[in-house]
Protein backbone atom coordinates (compact mmCIF):
# COMPACT_ATOMS: atom_id res chain seq x y z
CA MET A 1 8.43 4.86 5.38
CA GLY A 2 7.79 2.30 8.46
CA GLU A 3 5.84 4.99 10.32
CA LEU A 4 3.26 5.01 7.39
CA THR A 5 -0.06 3.59 8.11
CA ALA A 6 -3.49 2.84 6.75
CA GLY A 7 -5.32 6.22 5.84
CA ASP A 8 -1.99 8.16 5.55
CA ILE A 9 -1.61 10.60 2.66
CA VAL A 10 1.77 10.70 0.81
CA LEU A 11 3.01 12.09 -2.25
CA ASN A 12 2.65 10.93 -5.93
CA ALA A 13 3.39 12.28 -9.55
CA LYS A 14 0.81 12.81 -12.02
CA ASN A 15 1.26 14.85 -15.29
CA GLY A 16 4.53 16.31 -14.40
CA SER A 17 3.49 17.45 -11.10
CA PRO A 18 3.41 16.26 -7.42
CA ALA A 19 0.03 14.91 -6.30
CA SER A 20 -1.37 13.03 -3.41
CA THR A 21 -2.30 9.57 -2.90
CA ARG A 22 -3.84 7.72 0.08
CA VAL A 23 -2.14 4.58 2.04
CA ILE A 24 -4.43 1.41 1.76
CA VAL A 25 -1.94 -0.57 4.24
CA ASN A 26 1.48 -0.48 4.98
CA GLN A 27 3.03 -4.02 4.31
CA HIS A 28 5.64 -5.66 6.52
CA ARG A 29 5.60 -2.78 9.05
CA SER A 30 4.45 -5.18 12.19
CA ILE A 31 7.30 -8.05 11.46
CA GLU A 32 11.24 -7.92 10.90
CA GLN A 33 11.26 -9.11 7.36
CA THR A 34 14.66 -8.54 5.32
CA ALA A 35 15.31 -9.11 1.91
CA ARG A 36 18.28 -8.42 -0.66
CA LEU A 37 17.78 -4.92 -1.70
CA VAL A 38 18.96 -2.95 -4.98
CA THR A 39 20.32 0.42 -3.84
CA ILE A 40 20.06 3.22 -6.67
CA HIS A 41 22.36 6.01 -5.75
CA LEU A 42 21.26 9.01 -7.69
CA ALA A 43 23.59 11.52 -9.77
CA GLY A 44 22.06 14.50 -7.60
CA GLY A 45 22.81 12.91 -4.13
CA GLY A 46 20.66 10.50 -2.08
CA HIS A 47 19.75 7.16 -2.88
CA ILE A 48 16.62 4.73 -2.79
CA SER A 49 16.55 1.04 -1.94
CA LEU A 50 14.08 -1.38 -3.30
CA THR A 51 13.56 -5.19 -3.58
CA ALA A 52 14.95 -6.47 -7.00
CA ASP A 53 11.62 -7.11 -8.25
CA HIS A 54 9.88 -3.71 -7.07
CA VAL A 55 8.93 -1.76 -10.31
CA LEU A 56 10.21 1.75 -11.27
CA SER A 57 10.32 3.60 -14.28
CA LEU A 58 13.75 3.18 -16.00
CA ASP A 59 14.30 5.14 -19.37
CA GLY A 60 10.54 5.54 -19.61
CA ALA A 61 9.57 1.86 -19.28
CA TRP A 62 8.18 0.14 -15.93
CA LEU A 63 11.01 -2.33 -15.07
CA PRO A 64 11.99 -3.95 -11.96
CA ALA A 65 14.73 -2.28 -9.88
CA ARG A 66 17.18 -5.34 -11.05
CA ASN A 67 17.19 -3.48 -14.43
CA ALA A 68 18.71 -0.45 -12.79
CA ARG A 69 22.10 0.79 -14.44
CA ALA A 70 24.39 3.49 -14.04
CA GLY A 71 23.20 6.34 -16.65
CA ALA A 72 19.59 5.33 -16.97
CA ALA A 73 16.87 7.82 -16.12
CA LEU A 74 14.51 7.84 -13.46
CA VAL A 75 11.63 10.10 -13.27
CA GLY A 76 11.57 13.09 -10.80
CA ALA A 77 8.63 14.62 -8.93
CA HIS A 78 7.92 17.10 -11.91
CA GLY A 79 8.63 14.71 -14.56
CA GLU A 80 12.47 15.61 -15.06
CA ALA A 81 14.86 12.77 -15.73
CA VAL A 82 16.96 11.78 -12.75
CA ARG A 83 20.00 10.07 -13.69
CA ILE A 84 21.45 7.08 -11.79
CA ALA A 85 25.14 7.30 -10.69
CA ARG A 86 25.56 3.76 -9.41
CA VAL A 87 23.76 0.54 -8.34
CA SER A 88 24.76 -1.64 -5.20
CA SER A 89 22.99 -4.31 -3.34
CA ALA A 90 22.69 -5.12 0.41
CA ILE A 91 20.31 -7.08 2.83
CA GLY A 92 17.86 -4.92 4.58
CA ALA A 93 14.57 -4.46 6.21
CA ILE A 94 11.45 -3.75 4.04
CA VAL A 95 8.26 -2.09 4.08
CA ASN A 96 5.86 -1.56 1.36
CA PRO A 97 2.98 1.19 1.35
CA VAL A 98 0.25 -0.02 -0.81
CA VAL A 99 -1.26 3.41 -2.21
CA THR A 100 -4.68 3.84 -4.17
CA SER A 101 -2.69 5.59 -7.23
CA GLY A 102 -0.05 2.62 -7.40
CA PHE A 103 2.65 4.80 -7.32
CA ILE A 104 4.54 6.89 -4.81
CA LEU A 105 7.46 9.59 -4.66
CA ALA A 106 10.39 7.94 -2.88
CA ALA A 107 13.29 9.74 -1.51
CA ALA A 108 16.10 9.92 0.96
CA ALA A 109 16.58 12.89 3.08
CA ASP A 110 19.48 14.24 0.90
CA GLY A 111 18.21 13.57 -2.52
CA PRO A 112 15.37 14.32 -5.23
CA ALA A 113 12.13 12.49 -5.07
CA VAL A 114 11.91 9.60 -7.76
CA LEU A 115 8.66 7.98 -8.78
CA ALA A 116 8.07 4.37 -8.02
CA ALA A 117 5.23 1.93 -8.48
CA THR A 118 4.29 0.23 -4.87
CA ALA A 119 3.93 -2.84 -6.48
CA SER A 120 6.28 -5.93 -7.42
CA GLU A 121 6.74 -7.19 -10.83
CA TRP A 122 4.29 -9.93 -10.56
CA SER A 123 1.20 -7.39 -9.31
CA PHE A 124 2.29 -4.30 -10.94
CA ASP A 125 -0.70 -4.61 -13.79
CA LEU A 126 -3.32 -5.38 -11.09
CA MET A 127 -2.24 -2.73 -8.70
CA THR A 128 -2.24 -0.09 -11.28
CA SER A 129 -5.10 -1.21 -13.01
CA GLY A 130 -7.45 1.51 -11.44
CA TYR A 131 -9.30 -0.93 -9.23
CA ALA A 132 -7.48 -0.16 -6.27
CA PRO A 133 -8.77 3.36 -5.48
CA LEU A 134 -12.50 1.75 -5.61
CA SER A 135 -11.91 -1.53 -3.71
CA PHE A 136 -13.42 -2.25 -0.55
CA SER A 137 -9.97 -2.17 0.97
CA ALA A 138 -9.51 1.37 0.17
CA LEU A 139 -12.88 2.77 1.24
CA ILE A 140 -12.25 0.97 4.74
CA THR A 141 -9.45 3.29 5.31
CA TYR A 142 -11.47 6.05 5.19
CA VAL A 143 -13.79 5.14 8.01
CA TRP A 144 -11.28 2.79 10.19
CA PRO A 145 -7.71 3.46 8.91
CA ARG A 146 -6.27 2.36 12.40
CA ALA A 147 -8.11 -0.75 12.52
CA ALA A 148 -7.53 -1.51 8.91
CA GLN A 149 -3.91 -1.71 9.59
CA GLN A 150 -4.28 -3.69 12.74
CA TYR A 151 -6.20 -5.95 10.82
CA TYR A 152 -3.87 -6.47 8.14
CA ASP A 153 -0.77 -6.73 10.54
CA ALA A 154 -2.70 -9.51 12.57
CA TRP A 155 -4.37 -11.43 10.06
CA LEU A 156 -3.35 -10.89 6.14
CA GLU A 157 0.27 -10.47 6.79
CA PRO A 158 1.04 -13.79 7.83
CA VAL A 159 -1.12 -15.02 4.98
CA TYR A 160 0.30 -13.20 2.09
CA LYS A 161 3.78 -13.80 3.47
CA ARG A 162 3.29 -17.52 2.84
CA ALA A 163 1.02 -17.16 -0.44
CA ALA A 164 3.15 -14.76 -2.05
CA PRO A 165 4.78 -17.24 -4.26
CA ALA A 166 1.52 -18.97 -5.25
CA LEU A 167 0.08 -15.69 -6.05
CA ALA A 168 2.86 -14.51 -8.20
CA GLU A 169 2.67 -17.70 -10.25
CA LEU A 170 -1.00 -17.27 -10.67
CA SER A 171 -0.93 -13.57 -11.85
CA ARG A 172 1.52 -14.75 -14.47
CA THR A 173 -0.73 -17.47 -15.95
CA LEU A 174 -4.07 -15.74 -15.74
CA PRO A 175 -5.60 -13.57 -18.48
CA HIS A 176 -5.54 -10.05 -17.23
CA MET A 177 -9.51 -9.64 -16.80
CA LEU A 178 -9.61 -12.81 -15.07
CA ALA A 179 -6.73 -11.55 -12.64
CA ILE A 180 -8.56 -8.63 -12.00
CA ALA A 181 -11.69 -10.56 -11.15
CA CYS A 182 -9.74 -12.74 -8.68
CA LEU A 183 -8.43 -9.53 -7.03
CA ALA A 184 -11.98 -8.18 -6.74
CA LEU A 185 -13.01 -11.65 -5.00
CA ALA A 186 -9.94 -11.19 -2.65
CA ASP A 187 -10.91 -7.75 -1.85
CA VAL A 188 -14.69 -8.55 -1.06
CA ALA A 189 -13.28 -11.45 1.30
CA GLN A 190 -10.82 -9.20 3.08
CA ALA A 191 -13.59 -6.60 3.71
CA ALA A 192 -16.04 -9.51 5.01
CA GLY A 193 -12.96 -10.42 7.45
CA PHE A 194 -12.48 -6.90 8.42
CA ILE A 195 -16.01 -6.26 9.27
CA GLY A 196 -15.76 -9.62 11.36
CA TYR A 197 -12.43 -8.02 13.18
CA LEU A 198 -14.14 -4.94 13.84
CA MET A 199 -16.96 -6.51 15.74
CA CYS A 200 -14.87 -8.56 17.82
CA SER A 201 -12.62 -5.68 18.84
CA VAL A 202 -12.65 -3.89 22.13
CA GLU A 203 -13.17 -0.45 20.14
CA ALA A 204 -16.02 -1.67 18.33
CA LEU A 205 -17.67 -3.24 21.20
CA VAL A 206 -17.29 0.09 23.15
CA ALA A 207 -18.83 1.85 20.28
CA LEU A 208 -21.55 -0.54 20.17
CA ALA A 209 -22.34 -0.06 23.83
CA ALA A 210 -22.40 3.81 23.51
CA VAL A 211 -24.87 3.45 20.77
CA PHE A 212 -26.99 1.26 22.86
CA ALA A 213 -26.72 3.30 25.92
CA ILE A 214 -27.70 6.76 23.91
CA ALA A 215 -30.75 4.74 22.39
CA ALA A 216 -31.73 3.58 25.73
CA GLY A 217 -31.20 7.11 27.46
CA ARG A 218 -33.49 8.50 24.50
CA MET A 219 -36.26 5.64 25.12
CA HIS A 220 -36.32 6.29 28.88
CA ARG A 221 -36.80 9.91 28.32
CA LYS A 222 -39.49 9.23 25.82
CA VAL A 223 -41.27 7.17 28.19
CA GLY A 224 -40.90 9.53 31.08
CA ARG A 225 -42.34 12.40 28.79
CA THR A 226 -45.63 10.21 28.12
CA GLN A 227 -46.56 9.25 31.62
């Protein structure tokens, strides 16, 4: 998943069938960040690895991965039960593609795909609330996907890495609707920051220069015709 970037289309599952969802941003891809991972070995072969607080469907309930146990059922791409054979743990690198639907199909090369949320325990309710597809951050990826990922990597990743513990505590204490309002305000602030970042980038300056050059050329031709 480390190759994913903002704007990419990945698989989700909805109503028992595979569906598509859009990557808003891929977290942790630009830095070497490790964590203790829960590795879930599937009865049909293959495995998935998640952080302990990452949420997935276990026996019909959305629970953090630390609750995974042998024999429990995950949800497959077509809504079928995928049983857990065993669970182990290890230290490994992490990435996390945040997607508009809040859910993604995860799979190793040699096993079935299973449904997991792209949110941790503390952000699950917020990221699956329905706000994400309508957010400014999501809309930006339709127009400037590459720049959106670069902006996140350069400016937002360091901020969120430091602020994550405080944000987790805040999400646990705030009423749900107030937390959604805070998420919306943060989204607006991020979008405003992105516009500033975009205007300072070389690509934006080149595009702006091209617009002025085209406008100047048209003005020159118009003046020439009137003389």
